[in-house]
Amino acid sequence: MPSLVVRNLDQSLINALKARAVAHHRSTEAEHRAILAAILIEPQRKTFAEALSSIPAVGTDADFMRLNDDIRASNVFD
Protein backbone atom coordinates (compact mmCIF):
# COMPACT_ATOMS: atom_id res chain seq x y z
CA MET A 1 0.00 0.00 0.00
CA PRO A 2 1.39 3.46 -0.86
CA SER A 3 2.48 5.85 1.85
CA LEU A 4 1.84 9.55 2.31
CA VAL A 5 4.28 11.84 4.09
CA VAL A 6 3.10 15.26 5.22
CA ARG A 7 5.85 17.67 6.20
CA ASN A 8 5.97 21.05 7.95
CA LEU A 9 2.76 20.68 9.94
CA ASP A 10 2.03 23.23 12.64
CA GLN A 11 2.36 21.73 16.13
CA SER A 12 -1.21 22.78 17.01
CA LEU A 13 -2.49 20.72 14.06
CA ILE A 14 -0.52 17.69 15.22
CA ASN A 15 -1.86 18.11 18.77
CA ALA A 16 -5.43 18.38 17.46
CA LEU A 17 -4.96 15.21 15.38
CA LYS A 18 -3.60 13.33 18.38
CA ALA A 19 -6.45 14.50 20.60
CA ARG A 20 -9.01 13.49 17.99
CA ALA A 21 -7.35 10.07 17.64
CA VAL A 22 -7.55 9.53 21.40
CA ALA A 23 -11.22 10.57 21.42
CA HIS A 24 -11.97 8.02 18.68
CA HIS A 25 -9.85 5.26 20.30
CA ARG A 26 -7.47 4.85 17.39
CA SER A 27 -3.89 5.63 16.48
CA THR A 28 -2.90 8.99 15.05
CA GLU A 29 -2.18 7.31 11.73
CA ALA A 30 -5.59 5.60 11.67
CA GLU A 31 -7.26 8.92 12.52
CA HIS A 32 -5.39 10.59 9.67
CA ARG A 33 -6.61 7.88 7.26
CA ALA A 34 -10.19 8.26 8.54
CA ILE A 35 -10.13 12.03 8.03
CA LEU A 36 -8.78 11.69 4.50
CA ALA A 37 -11.37 9.04 3.62
CA ALA A 38 -14.23 11.11 5.06
CA ILE A 39 -13.25 14.17 3.06
CA LEU A 40 -12.11 12.59 -0.19
CA ILE A 41 -14.20 9.44 -0.62
CA GLU A 42 -17.44 9.58 1.35
CA PRO A 43 -20.29 11.57 -0.22
CA GLN A 44 -20.54 15.12 1.02
CA ARG A 45 -23.70 16.62 2.49
CA LYS A 46 -25.64 19.04 0.33
CA THR A 47 -25.66 22.71 1.22
CA PHE A 48 -29.00 24.23 2.20
CA ALA A 49 -29.18 25.99 -1.17
CA GLU A 50 -28.52 22.71 -3.02
CA ALA A 51 -31.21 20.94 -1.01
CA LEU A 52 -33.73 23.68 -1.76
CA SER A 53 -32.92 23.72 -5.45
CA SER A 54 -33.42 19.95 -5.66
CA ILE A 55 -37.03 20.12 -4.42
CA PRO A 56 -39.31 19.47 -7.39
CA ALA A 57 -42.03 21.93 -8.37
CA VAL A 58 -45.23 20.14 -7.33
CA GLY A 59 -47.82 22.88 -7.52
CA THR A 60 -48.56 26.56 -7.22
CA ASP A 61 -48.45 28.66 -4.07
CA ALA A 62 -52.25 28.61 -3.96
CA ASP A 63 -52.13 24.83 -3.54
CA PHE A 64 -50.41 25.32 -0.19
CA MET A 65 -52.42 28.21 1.26
CA ARG A 66 -54.06 27.58 4.62
CA LEU A 67 -57.82 27.87 4.65
CA ASN A 68 -57.74 30.35 7.55
CA ASP A 69 -55.25 32.73 5.90
CA ASP A 70 -57.79 35.56 5.57
CA ILE A 71 -55.84 37.96 7.83
CA ARG A 72 -52.39 39.07 6.67
CA ALA A 73 -50.02 40.05 9.48
CA SER A 74 -47.90 43.06 8.50
CA ASN A 75 -45.28 42.66 11.24
CA VAL A 76 -44.92 38.93 11.71
CA PHE A 77 -41.61 39.13 13.59
CA ASP A 78 -42.48 41.97 15.99
C-alpha atoms as a PDB file:
ATOM      1  CA  MET A   1       0.000   0.000   0.000  1.00  0.00           C
ATOM      2  CA  PRO A   2       1.387   3.456  -0.863  1.00  0.00           C
ATOM      3  CA  SER A   3       2.477   5.854   1.854  1.00  0.00           C
ATOM      4  CA  LEU A   4       1.843   9.546   2.310  1.00  0.00           C
ATOM      5  CA  VAL A   5       4.280  11.842   4.089  1.00  0.00           C
ATOM      6  CA  VAL A   6       3.098  15.261   5.220  1.00  0.00           C
ATOM      7  CA  ARG A   7       5.853  17.673   6.204  1.00  0.00           C
ATOM      8  CA  ASN A   8       5.966  21.051   7.948  1.00  0.00           C
ATOM      9  CA  LEU A   9       2.758  20.685   9.944  1.00  0.00           C
ATOM     10  CA  ASP A  10       2.034  23.228  12.638  1.00  0.00           C
ATOM     11  CA  GLN A  11       2.357  21.729  16.127  1.00  0.00           C
ATOM     12  CA  SER A  12      -1.206  22.781  17.006  1.00  0.00           C
ATOM     13  CA  LEU A  13      -2.494  20.719  14.061  1.00  0.00           C
ATOM     14  CA  ILE A  14      -0.516  17.695  15.224  1.00  0.00           C
ATOM     15  CA  ASN A  15      -1.858  18.109  18.767  1.00  0.00           C
ATOM     16  CA  ALA A  16      -5.426  18.378  17.462  1.00  0.00           C
ATOM     17  CA  LEU A  17      -4.958  15.207  15.377  1.00  0.00           C
ATOM     18  CA  LYS A  18      -3.600  13.325  18.382  1.00  0.00           C
ATOM     19  CA  ALA A  19      -6.453  14.502  20.602  1.00  0.00           C
ATOM     20  CA  ARG A  20      -9.013  13.492  17.989  1.00  0.00           C
ATOM     21  CA  ALA A  21      -7.355  10.073  17.643  1.00  0.00           C
ATOM     22  CA  VAL A  22      -7.549   9.527  21.403  1.00  0.00           C
ATOM     23  CA  ALA A  23     -11.215  10.565  21.423  1.00  0.00           C
ATOM     24  CA  HIS A  24     -11.975   8.017  18.684  1.00  0.00           C
ATOM     25  CA  HIS A  25      -9.853   5.260  20.304  1.00  0.00           C
ATOM     26  CA  ARG A  26      -7.469   4.846  17.388  1.00  0.00           C
ATOM     27  CA  SER A  27      -3.894   5.630  16.476  1.00  0.00           C
ATOM     28  CA  THR A  28      -2.904   8.994  15.050  1.00  0.00           C
ATOM     29  CA  GLU A  29      -2.176   7.312  11.730  1.00  0.00           C
ATOM     30  CA  ALA A  30      -5.587   5.602  11.665  1.00  0.00           C
ATOM     31  CA  GLU A  31      -7.262   8.918  12.515  1.00  0.00           C
ATOM     32  CA  HIS A  32      -5.392  10.587   9.670  1.00  0.00           C
ATOM     33  CA  ARG A  33      -6.614   7.881   7.263  1.00  0.00           C
ATOM     34  CA  ALA A  34     -10.186   8.258   8.541  1.00  0.00           C
ATOM     35  CA  ILE A  35     -10.133  12.029   8.030  1.00  0.00           C
ATOM     36  CA  LEU A  36      -8.778  11.692   4.502  1.00  0.00           C
ATOM     37  CA  ALA A  37     -11.369   9.038   3.621  1.00  0.00           C
ATOM     38  CA  ALA A  38     -14.229  11.107   5.060  1.00  0.00           C
ATOM     39  CA  ILE A  39     -13.253  14.171   3.063  1.00  0.00           C
ATOM     40  CA  LEU A  40     -12.109  12.595  -0.193  1.00  0.00           C
ATOM     41  CA  ILE A  41     -14.196   9.438  -0.621  1.00  0.00           C
ATOM     42  CA  GLU A  42     -17.439   9.581   1.350  1.00  0.00           C
ATOM     43  CA  PRO A  43     -20.285  11.567  -0.216  1.00  0.00           C
ATOM     44  CA  GLN A  44     -20.541  15.119   1.022  1.00  0.00           C
ATOM     45  CA  ARG A  45     -23.704  16.625   2.488  1.00  0.00           C
ATOM     46  CA  LYS A  46     -25.637  19.045   0.334  1.00  0.00           C
ATOM     47  CA  THR A  47     -25.664  22.706   1.218  1.00  0.00           C
ATOM     48  CA  PHE A  48     -28.999  24.229   2.203  1.00  0.00           C
ATOM     49  CA  ALA A  49     -29.179  25.993  -1.174  1.00  0.00           C
ATOM     50  CA  GLU A  50     -28.519  22.710  -3.022  1.00  0.00           C
ATOM     51  CA  ALA A  51     -31.206  20.939  -1.011  1.00  0.00           C
ATOM     52  CA  LEU A  52     -33.729  23.680  -1.755  1.00  0.00           C
ATOM     53  CA  SER A  53     -32.921  23.720  -5.450  1.00  0.00           C
ATOM     54  CA  SER A  54     -33.417  19.946  -5.661  1.00  0.00           C
ATOM     55  CA  ILE A  55     -37.027  20.120  -4.416  1.00  0.00           C
ATOM     56  CA  PRO A  56     -39.307  19.472  -7.393  1.00  0.00           C
ATOM     57  CA  ALA A  57     -42.026  21.930  -8.373  1.00  0.00           C
ATOM     58  CA  VAL A  58     -45.227  20.142  -7.327  1.00  0.00           C
ATOM     59  CA  GLY A  59     -47.819  22.882  -7.523  1.00  0.00           C
ATOM     60  CA  THR A  60     -48.560  26.560  -7.217  1.00  0.00           C
ATOM     61  CA  ASP A  61     -48.448  28.662  -4.068  1.00  0.00           C
ATOM     62  CA  ALA A  62     -52.254  28.607  -3.961  1.00  0.00           C
ATOM     63  CA  ASP A  63     -52.128  24.828  -3.535  1.00  0.00           C
ATOM     64  CA  PHE A  64     -50.408  25.319  -0.186  1.00  0.00           C
ATOM     65  CA  MET A  65     -52.416  28.210   1.260  1.00  0.00           C
ATOM     66  CA  ARG A  66     -54.063  27.579   4.618  1.00  0.00           C
ATOM     67  CA  LEU A  67     -57.816  27.867   4.652  1.00  0.00           C
ATOM     68  CA  ASN A  68     -57.736  30.350   7.554  1.00  0.00           C
ATOM     69  CA  ASP A  69     -55.250  32.727   5.904  1.00  0.00           C
ATOM     70  CA  ASP A  70     -57.785  35.561   5.574  1.00  0.00           C
ATOM     71  CA  ILE A  71     -55.840  37.961   7.826  1.00  0.00           C
ATOM     72  CA  ARG A  72     -52.390  39.073   6.674  1.00  0.00           C
ATOM     73  CA  ALA A  73     -50.024  40.047   9.477  1.00  0.00           C
ATOM     74  CA  SER A  74     -47.899  43.059   8.504  1.00  0.00           C
ATOM     75  CA  ASN A  75     -45.276  42.657  11.236  1.00  0.00           C
ATOM     76  CA  VAL A  76     -44.918  38.934  11.711  1.00  0.00           C
ATOM     77  CA  PHE A  77     -41.611  39.129  13.595  1.00  0.00           C
ATOM     78  CA  ASP A  78     -42.480  41.966  15.986  1.00  0.00           C
END
